[in-house]
């Protein structure tokens, strides 16, 4: 696969990288967010970002996805090695992290889980696509909390062409809204901070609740241009 483009101020480099993107495989928002966080940091493997102590610069991550978190489930009849899934970011879902001579792995303790289930409350012995998605949403929620806890990153999320009439899409939209950070300068009608979350679309959705992608990024630009005092 093509290497991640490091931080750069050269617009043509960014546009070329976007144009070169090709969809393949499943959707793993957690993995994308993790690499985005690494990219804007000062620590390796990317060190182009300013130091985290430099409060004169905003570090911003915009997470945008047009799909729910997914992991490939294998048909039981063809799964001779009992991997229970294809091999991807979390390895096989049917094998735990410890040395084992049998598969699928048997959960004998809280730590004896396949990677996708670690740190989640979902069943570690249910090998369905829906269960994988539930585990991935919990993994994503934990990472979002860790990013926001640093108080060094403005975390924004965009749901693209997700439909409120589709239960899978709704779960992802709720996860994205929960993931988003609080807007520094905008409040809801009840006085609570407004989430930096947008529902964008390039097509009609069931309830017409989304804004165009162009309008969404205009709103994001306006959010980033609001005056803030930093210490």
C-alpha atoms as a PDB file:
ATOM      1  CA  UNK A   1       0.000   0.000   0.000  1.00  0.00           C
ATOM      2  CA  UNK A   2       1.000   3.622  -0.434  1.00  0.00           C
ATOM      3  CA  UNK A   3       2.814   5.121   2.536  1.00  0.00           C
ATOM      4  CA  UNK A   4       1.059   7.744   4.664  1.00  0.00           C
ATOM      5  CA  UNK A   5       1.770  11.323   3.562  1.00  0.00           C
ATOM      6  CA  UNK A   6       3.564  13.177   6.380  1.00  0.00           C
ATOM      7  CA  UNK A   7       2.506  16.672   7.435  1.00  0.00           C
ATOM      8  CA  UNK A   8       3.258  19.173   4.707  1.00  0.00           C
ATOM      9  CA  UNK A   9       2.380  22.722   3.764  1.00  0.00           C
ATOM     10  CA  UNK A  10       2.514  21.933   0.046  1.00  0.00           C
ATOM     11  CA  UNK A  11      -1.036  21.803  -1.279  1.00  0.00           C
ATOM     12  CA  UNK A  12      -0.133  19.906  -4.448  1.00  0.00           C
ATOM     13  CA  UNK A  13       1.383  17.092  -2.374  1.00  0.00           C
ATOM     14  CA  UNK A  14      -1.789  16.763  -0.322  1.00  0.00           C
ATOM     15  CA  UNK A  15      -4.073  16.825  -3.374  1.00  0.00           C
ATOM     16  CA  UNK A  16      -1.943  14.235  -5.185  1.00  0.00           C
ATOM     17  CA  UNK A  17      -2.117  11.929  -2.158  1.00  0.00           C
ATOM     18  CA  UNK A  18      -5.910  12.270  -2.019  1.00  0.00           C
ATOM     19  CA  UNK A  19      -6.281  11.595  -5.742  1.00  0.00           C
ATOM     20  CA  UNK A  20      -4.149   8.463  -5.392  1.00  0.00           C
ATOM     21  CA  UNK A  21      -6.369   6.927  -2.710  1.00  0.00           C
ATOM     22  CA  UNK A  22      -8.065   3.675  -3.734  1.00  0.00           C
ATOM     23  CA  UNK A  23     -10.802   1.935  -1.698  1.00  0.00           C
ATOM     24  CA  UNK A  24     -10.007  -1.618  -0.663  1.00  0.00           C
ATOM     25  CA  UNK A  25     -10.836  -3.933   2.200  1.00  0.00           C
ATOM     26  CA  UNK A  26     -12.946  -3.073   5.227  1.00  0.00           C
ATOM     27  CA  UNK A  27     -13.573   0.141   7.159  1.00  0.00           C
ATOM     28  CA  UNK A  28     -11.498   0.602  10.318  1.00  0.00           C
ATOM     29  CA  UNK A  29     -12.003   4.122  11.663  1.00  0.00           C
ATOM     30  CA  UNK A  30      -9.964   3.363  14.788  1.00  0.00           C
ATOM     31  CA  UNK A  31      -6.886   2.532  12.728  1.00  0.00           C
ATOM     32  CA  UNK A  32      -7.298   5.696  10.664  1.00  0.00           C
ATOM     33  CA  UNK A  33      -7.634   7.861  13.760  1.00  0.00           C
ATOM     34  CA  UNK A  34      -4.625   6.218  15.394  1.00  0.00           C
ATOM     35  CA  UNK A  35      -2.401   6.985  12.403  1.00  0.00           C
ATOM     36  CA  UNK A  36      -3.792  10.496  12.152  1.00  0.00           C
ATOM     37  CA  UNK A  37      -2.830  11.075  15.786  1.00  0.00           C
ATOM     38  CA  UNK A  38       0.673   9.711  15.173  1.00  0.00           C
ATOM     39  CA  UNK A  39       1.047  11.903  12.089  1.00  0.00           C
ATOM     40  CA  UNK A  40       0.401  15.196  13.893  1.00  0.00           C
ATOM     41  CA  UNK A  41       2.521  14.302  16.915  1.00  0.00           C
ATOM     42  CA  UNK A  42       6.151  15.230  17.439  1.00  0.00           C
ATOM     43  CA  UNK A  43       7.145  11.664  18.255  1.00  0.00           C
ATOM     44  CA  UNK A  44       8.319   9.082  15.726  1.00  0.00           C
ATOM     45  CA  UNK A  45       7.421   7.487  13.357  1.00  0.00           C
ATOM     46  CA  UNK A  46       6.317  10.993  12.300  1.00  0.00           C
ATOM     47  CA  UNK A  47       8.066  13.985  13.826  1.00  0.00           C
ATOM     48  CA  UNK A  48       6.923  16.799  11.512  1.00  0.00           C
ATOM     49  CA  UNK A  49       4.389  18.105  14.041  1.00  0.00           C
ATOM     50  CA  UNK A  50       5.174  20.900  16.479  1.00  0.00           C
ATOM     51  CA  UNK A  51       5.788  20.002  20.109  1.00  0.00           C
ATOM     52  CA  UNK A  52       2.668  19.219  22.129  1.00  0.00           C
ATOM     53  CA  UNK A  53       3.640  22.004  24.558  1.00  0.00           C
ATOM     54  CA  UNK A  54       3.348  24.630  21.795  1.00  0.00           C
ATOM     55  CA  UNK A  55      -0.114  26.086  22.432  1.00  0.00           C
ATOM     56  CA  UNK A  56       0.157  28.674  19.678  1.00  0.00           C
ATOM     57  CA  UNK A  57      -0.619  26.005  17.076  1.00  0.00           C
ATOM     58  CA  UNK A  58      -3.876  24.038  16.829  1.00  0.00           C
ATOM     59  CA  UNK A  59      -3.481  20.322  16.232  1.00  0.00           C
ATOM     60  CA  UNK A  60      -6.590  19.157  14.393  1.00  0.00           C
ATOM     61  CA  UNK A  61      -7.814  15.713  13.352  1.00  0.00           C
ATOM     62  CA  UNK A  62     -10.844  15.427  11.071  1.00  0.00           C
ATOM     63  CA  UNK A  63     -12.217  11.882  10.934  1.00  0.00           C
ATOM     64  CA  UNK A  64     -14.506  11.267   7.951  1.00  0.00           C
ATOM     65  CA  UNK A  65     -16.052   7.950   6.968  1.00  0.00           C
ATOM     66  CA  UNK A  66     -18.781   6.804   4.614  1.00  0.00           C
ATOM     67  CA  UNK A  67     -19.204   3.438   6.301  1.00  0.00           C
ATOM     68  CA  UNK A  68     -19.441   1.576   9.570  1.00  0.00           C
ATOM     69  CA  UNK A  69     -16.529  -0.294  11.139  1.00  0.00           C
ATOM     70  CA  UNK A  70     -16.378  -3.719   9.525  1.00  0.00           C
ATOM     71  CA  UNK A  71     -14.280  -6.886   9.771  1.00  0.00           C
ATOM     72  CA  UNK A  72     -14.598  -9.836   7.385  1.00  0.00           C
ATOM     73  CA  UNK A  73     -16.321 -12.890   8.784  1.00  0.00           C
ATOM     74  CA  UNK A  74     -15.378 -16.211   7.160  1.00  0.00           C
ATOM     75  CA  UNK A  75     -17.934 -18.832   6.258  1.00  0.00           C
ATOM     76  CA  UNK A  76     -17.673 -21.729   8.728  1.00  0.00           C
ATOM     77  CA  UNK A  77     -17.708 -24.386   6.014  1.00  0.00           C
ATOM     78  CA  UNK A  78     -14.618 -22.913   4.344  1.00  0.00           C
ATOM     79  CA  UNK A  79     -12.781 -21.881   7.516  1.00  0.00           C
ATOM     80  CA  UNK A  80     -10.599 -24.967   7.892  1.00  0.00           C
ATOM     81  CA  UNK A  81      -8.044 -23.243  10.151  1.00  0.00           C
ATOM     82  CA  UNK A  82     -10.819 -21.777  12.335  1.00  0.00           C
ATOM     83  CA  UNK A  83      -9.438 -18.274  11.988  1.00  0.00           C
ATOM     84  CA  UNK A  84     -13.048 -16.977  12.001  1.00  0.00           C
ATOM     85  CA  UNK A  85     -12.035 -13.918   9.965  1.00  0.00           C
ATOM     86  CA  UNK A  86      -9.693 -12.627   7.319  1.00  0.00           C
ATOM     87  CA  UNK A  87      -6.319 -11.297   8.507  1.00  0.00           C
ATOM     88  CA  UNK A  88      -6.403  -7.543   9.052  1.00  0.00           C
ATOM     89  CA  UNK A  89      -5.435  -4.905  11.621  1.00  0.00           C
ATOM     90  CA  UNK A  90      -6.606  -6.965  14.610  1.00  0.00           C
ATOM     91  CA  UNK A  91      -5.208 -10.259  13.288  1.00  0.00           C
ATOM     92  CA  UNK A  92      -7.566 -13.274  13.274  1.00  0.00           C
ATOM     93  CA  UNK A  93     -10.618 -13.015  15.507  1.00  0.00           C
ATOM     94  CA  UNK A  94     -10.583 -16.757  16.258  1.00  0.00           C
ATOM     95  CA  UNK A  95      -7.104 -16.829  17.743  1.00  0.00           C
ATOM     96  CA  UNK A  96      -5.919 -15.232  20.950  1.00  0.00           C
ATOM     97  CA  UNK A  97      -2.604 -13.474  21.517  1.00  0.00           C
ATOM     98  CA  UNK A  98      -1.069 -16.345  23.442  1.00  0.00           C
ATOM     99  CA  UNK A  99       0.535 -19.463  21.993  1.00  0.00           C
ATOM    100  CA  UNK A 100      -2.197 -21.985  21.343  1.00  0.00           C
ATOM    101  CA  UNK A 101      -2.413 -25.323  19.576  1.00  0.00           C
ATOM    102  CA  UNK A 102      -6.148 -25.186  19.012  1.00  0.00           C
ATOM    103  CA  UNK A 103      -8.383 -22.802  17.149  1.00  0.00           C
ATOM    104  CA  UNK A 104     -10.610 -21.022  17.673  1.00  0.00           C
ATOM    105  CA  UNK A 105      -9.027 -19.997  20.947  1.00  0.00           C
ATOM    106  CA  UNK A 106     -10.849 -20.624  24.203  1.00  0.00           C
ATOM    107  CA  UNK A 107     -11.182 -17.607  26.445  1.00  0.00           C
ATOM    108  CA  UNK A 108      -9.775 -18.676  29.813  1.00  0.00           C
ATOM    109  CA  UNK A 109      -9.158 -15.239  31.328  1.00  0.00           C
ATOM    110  CA  UNK A 110      -9.814 -11.570  30.695  1.00  0.00           C
ATOM    111  CA  UNK A 111      -6.466 -11.260  28.906  1.00  0.00           C
ATOM    112  CA  UNK A 112      -6.891 -14.409  26.799  1.00  0.00           C
ATOM    113  CA  UNK A 113      -8.785 -12.703  23.987  1.00  0.00           C
ATOM    114  CA  UNK A 114      -8.227 -12.045  20.319  1.00  0.00           C
ATOM    115  CA  UNK A 115      -6.992  -8.508  19.663  1.00  0.00           C
ATOM    116  CA  UNK A 116     -10.319  -7.198  18.393  1.00  0.00           C
ATOM    117  CA  UNK A 117     -12.011  -8.008  21.724  1.00  0.00           C
ATOM    118  CA  UNK A 118      -9.371  -6.686  24.100  1.00  0.00           C
ATOM    119  CA  UNK A 119     -10.615  -3.791  26.212  1.00  0.00           C
ATOM    120  CA  UNK A 120     -14.228  -4.367  25.120  1.00  0.00           C
ATOM    121  CA  UNK A 121     -17.274  -5.880  26.785  1.00  0.00           C
ATOM    122  CA  UNK A 122     -18.532  -7.855  23.765  1.00  0.00           C
ATOM    123  CA  UNK A 123     -18.475 -11.630  23.610  1.00  0.00           C
ATOM    124  CA  UNK A 124     -14.999 -12.924  22.747  1.00  0.00           C
ATOM    125  CA  UNK A 125     -16.424 -16.187  21.410  1.00  0.00           C
ATOM    126  CA  UNK A 126     -19.102 -14.796  19.098  1.00  0.00           C
ATOM    127  CA  UNK A 127     -17.739 -14.730  15.577  1.00  0.00           C
ATOM    128  CA  UNK A 128     -20.270 -12.637  13.687  1.00  0.00           C
ATOM    129  CA  UNK A 129     -19.814  -9.517  11.588  1.00  0.00           C
ATOM    130  CA  UNK A 130     -22.196  -7.617  13.891  1.00  0.00           C
ATOM    131  CA  UNK A 131     -20.152  -8.602  16.964  1.00  0.00           C
ATOM    132  CA  UNK A 132     -16.929  -7.545  15.252  1.00  0.00           C
ATOM    133  CA  UNK A 133     -18.458  -4.144  14.456  1.00  0.00           C
ATOM    134  CA  UNK A 134     -19.601  -3.717  18.067  1.00  0.00           C
ATOM    135  CA  UNK A 135     -16.103  -4.484  19.328  1.00  0.00           C
ATOM    136  CA  UNK A 136     -14.557  -2.054  16.839  1.00  0.00           C
ATOM    137  CA  UNK A 137     -16.911   0.736  17.913  1.00  0.00           C
ATOM    138  CA  UNK A 138     -15.821   0.215  21.531  1.00  0.00           C
ATOM    139  CA  UNK A 139     -12.160   0.239  20.459  1.00  0.00           C
ATOM    140  CA  UNK A 140     -12.833   3.457  18.568  1.00  0.00           C
ATOM    141  CA  UNK A 141     -14.539   5.039  21.597  1.00  0.00           C
ATOM    142  CA  UNK A 142     -11.540   4.295  23.803  1.00  0.00           C
ATOM    143  CA  UNK A 143      -9.119   5.841  21.310  1.00  0.00           C
ATOM    144  CA  UNK A 144     -11.324   8.930  20.890  1.00  0.00           C
ATOM    145  CA  UNK A 145     -11.316   9.396  24.677  1.00  0.00           C
ATOM    146  CA  UNK A 146      -7.534   9.068  24.785  1.00  0.00           C
ATOM    147  CA  UNK A 147      -7.079  11.671  22.045  1.00  0.00           C
ATOM    148  CA  UNK A 148      -9.410  14.154  23.766  1.00  0.00           C
ATOM    149  CA  UNK A 149      -7.862  13.531  27.183  1.00  0.00           C
ATOM    150  CA  UNK A 150      -4.576  15.048  26.023  1.00  0.00           C
ATOM    151  CA  UNK A 151      -6.237  18.488  25.692  1.00  0.00           C
ATOM    152  CA  UNK A 152      -3.871  19.052  22.753  1.00  0.00           C
ATOM    153  CA  UNK A 153      -5.995  17.980  19.779  1.00  0.00           C
ATOM    154  CA  UNK A 154      -9.199  19.365  18.258  1.00  0.00           C
ATOM    155  CA  UNK A 155     -11.036  16.197  17.236  1.00  0.00           C
ATOM    156  CA  UNK A 156     -13.719  16.618  14.557  1.00  0.00           C
ATOM    157  CA  UNK A 157     -15.821  13.897  12.933  1.00  0.00           C
ATOM    158  CA  UNK A 158     -17.863  13.755   9.736  1.00  0.00           C
ATOM    159  CA  UNK A 159     -20.396  11.085   8.765  1.00  0.00           C
ATOM    160  CA  UNK A 160     -20.559  10.998   4.961  1.00  0.00           C
ATOM    161  CA  UNK A 161     -23.665   9.596   3.250  1.00  0.00           C
ATOM    162  CA  UNK A 162     -24.701   7.600   6.313  1.00  0.00           C
ATOM    163  CA  UNK A 163     -28.471   7.122   6.445  1.00  0.00           C
ATOM    164  CA  UNK A 164     -30.516   7.642   9.647  1.00  0.00           C
ATOM    165  CA  UNK A 165     -32.931   4.966   8.389  1.00  0.00           C
ATOM    166  CA  UNK A 166     -30.229   2.283   8.482  1.00  0.00           C
ATOM    167  CA  UNK A 167     -29.546   0.855  11.959  1.00  0.00           C
ATOM    168  CA  UNK A 168     -25.907   0.055  11.171  1.00  0.00           C
ATOM    169  CA  UNK A 169     -25.354   3.582   9.902  1.00  0.00           C
ATOM    170  CA  UNK A 170     -27.102   5.021  12.975  1.00  0.00           C
ATOM    171  CA  UNK A 171     -24.749   3.128  15.288  1.00  0.00           C
ATOM    172  CA  UNK A 172     -21.784   4.580  13.423  1.00  0.00           C
ATOM    173  CA  UNK A 173     -23.234   8.086  13.407  1.00  0.00           C
ATOM    174  CA  UNK A 174     -23.764   7.918  17.167  1.00  0.00           C
ATOM    175  CA  UNK A 175     -20.192   6.652  17.615  1.00  0.00           C
ATOM    176  CA  UNK A 176     -18.809   9.491  15.503  1.00  0.00           C
ATOM    177  CA  UNK A 177     -20.786  12.109  17.422  1.00  0.00           C
ATOM    178  CA  UNK A 178     -19.602  10.678  20.733  1.00  0.00           C
ATOM    179  CA  UNK A 179     -16.026  10.618  19.409  1.00  0.00           C
ATOM    180  CA  UNK A 180     -16.034  14.298  18.453  1.00  0.00           C
ATOM    181  CA  UNK A 181     -14.603  16.891  20.806  1.00  0.00           C
ATOM    182  CA  UNK A 182     -16.553  19.813  22.226  1.00  0.00           C
ATOM    183  CA  UNK A 183     -16.602  23.004  20.171  1.00  0.00           C
ATOM    184  CA  UNK A 184     -14.542  25.712  21.918  1.00  0.00           C
ATOM    185  CA  UNK A 185     -16.914  28.524  20.978  1.00  0.00           C
ATOM    186  CA  UNK A 186     -20.363  27.047  20.256  1.00  0.00           C
ATOM    187  CA  UNK A 187     -23.036  25.762  22.629  1.00  0.00           C
ATOM    188  CA  UNK A 188     -26.286  23.857  22.306  1.00  0.00           C
ATOM    189  CA  UNK A 189     -29.537  25.592  23.265  1.00  0.00           C
ATOM    190  CA  UNK A 190     -29.254  24.133  26.775  1.00  0.00           C
ATOM    191  CA  UNK A 191     -25.807  25.657  27.268  1.00  0.00           C
ATOM    192  CA  UNK A 192     -23.790  22.441  26.866  1.00  0.00           C
ATOM    193  CA  UNK A 193     -20.862  22.545  24.411  1.00  0.00           C
ATOM    194  CA  UNK A 194     -21.787  21.634  20.857  1.00  0.00           C
ATOM    195  CA  UNK A 195     -20.055  18.575  19.441  1.00  0.00           C
ATOM    196  CA  UNK A 196     -17.662  19.098  16.521  1.00  0.00           C
ATOM    197  CA  UNK A 197     -19.604  16.532  14.504  1.00  0.00           C
ATOM    198  CA  UNK A 198     -21.163  16.941  11.064  1.00  0.00           C
ATOM    199  CA  UNK A 199     -23.552  14.815   9.020  1.00  0.00           C
ATOM    200  CA  UNK A 200     -22.610  15.400   5.371  1.00  0.00           C
ATOM    201  CA  UNK A 201     -23.907  13.929   2.151  1.00  0.00           C
ATOM    202  CA  UNK A 202     -23.395  13.826  -1.575  1.00  0.00           C
ATOM    203  CA  UNK A 203     -26.838  12.224  -2.117  1.00  0.00           C
ATOM    204  CA  UNK A 204     -30.290  12.330  -0.567  1.00  0.00           C
ATOM    205  CA  UNK A 205     -30.779  10.464   2.708  1.00  0.00           C
ATOM    206  CA  UNK A 206     -34.061   9.383   4.260  1.00  0.00           C
ATOM    207  CA  UNK A 207     -34.692  12.369   6.514  1.00  0.00           C
ATOM    208  CA  UNK A 208     -32.831  15.103   4.632  1.00  0.00           C
ATOM    209  CA  UNK A 209     -30.818  15.913   7.755  1.00  0.00           C
ATOM    210  CA  UNK A 210     -27.395  16.248   6.171  1.00  0.00           C
ATOM    211  CA  UNK A 211     -25.561  19.180   4.667  1.00  0.00           C
ATOM    212  CA  UNK A 212     -23.510  19.150   1.493  1.00  0.00           C
ATOM    213  CA  UNK A 213     -19.866  18.182   1.808  1.00  0.00           C
ATOM    214  CA  UNK A 214     -18.818  21.657   0.671  1.00  0.00           C
ATOM    215  CA  UNK A 215     -21.005  23.356   3.299  1.00  0.00           C
ATOM    216  CA  UNK A 216     -19.678  20.981   5.937  1.00  0.00           C
ATOM    217  CA  UNK A 217     -16.081  21.989   5.297  1.00  0.00           C
ATOM    218  CA  UNK A 218     -17.047  25.650   5.235  1.00  0.00           C
ATOM    219  CA  UNK A 219     -18.466  25.146   8.728  1.00  0.00           C
ATOM    220  CA  UNK A 220     -15.285  23.346   9.789  1.00  0.00           C
ATOM    221  CA  UNK A 221     -13.213  26.226   8.409  1.00  0.00           C
ATOM    222  CA  UNK A 222     -15.356  28.697  10.351  1.00  0.00           C
ATOM    223  CA  UNK A 223     -14.903  26.616  13.512  1.00  0.00           C
ATOM    224  CA  UNK A 224     -11.133  26.669  13.113  1.00  0.00           C
ATOM    225  CA  UNK A 225     -11.035  30.403  12.395  1.00  0.00           C
ATOM    226  CA  UNK A 226     -12.849  31.379  15.601  1.00  0.00           C
ATOM    227  CA  UNK A 227     -10.607  33.406  17.908  1.00  0.00           C
ATOM    228  CA  UNK A 228      -9.364  31.496  20.957  1.00  0.00           C
ATOM    229  CA  UNK A 229      -7.026  32.544  23.768  1.00  0.00           C
ATOM    230  CA  UNK A 230      -4.385  29.984  24.702  1.00  0.00           C
ATOM    231  CA  UNK A 231      -2.057  29.846  27.652  1.00  0.00           C
END
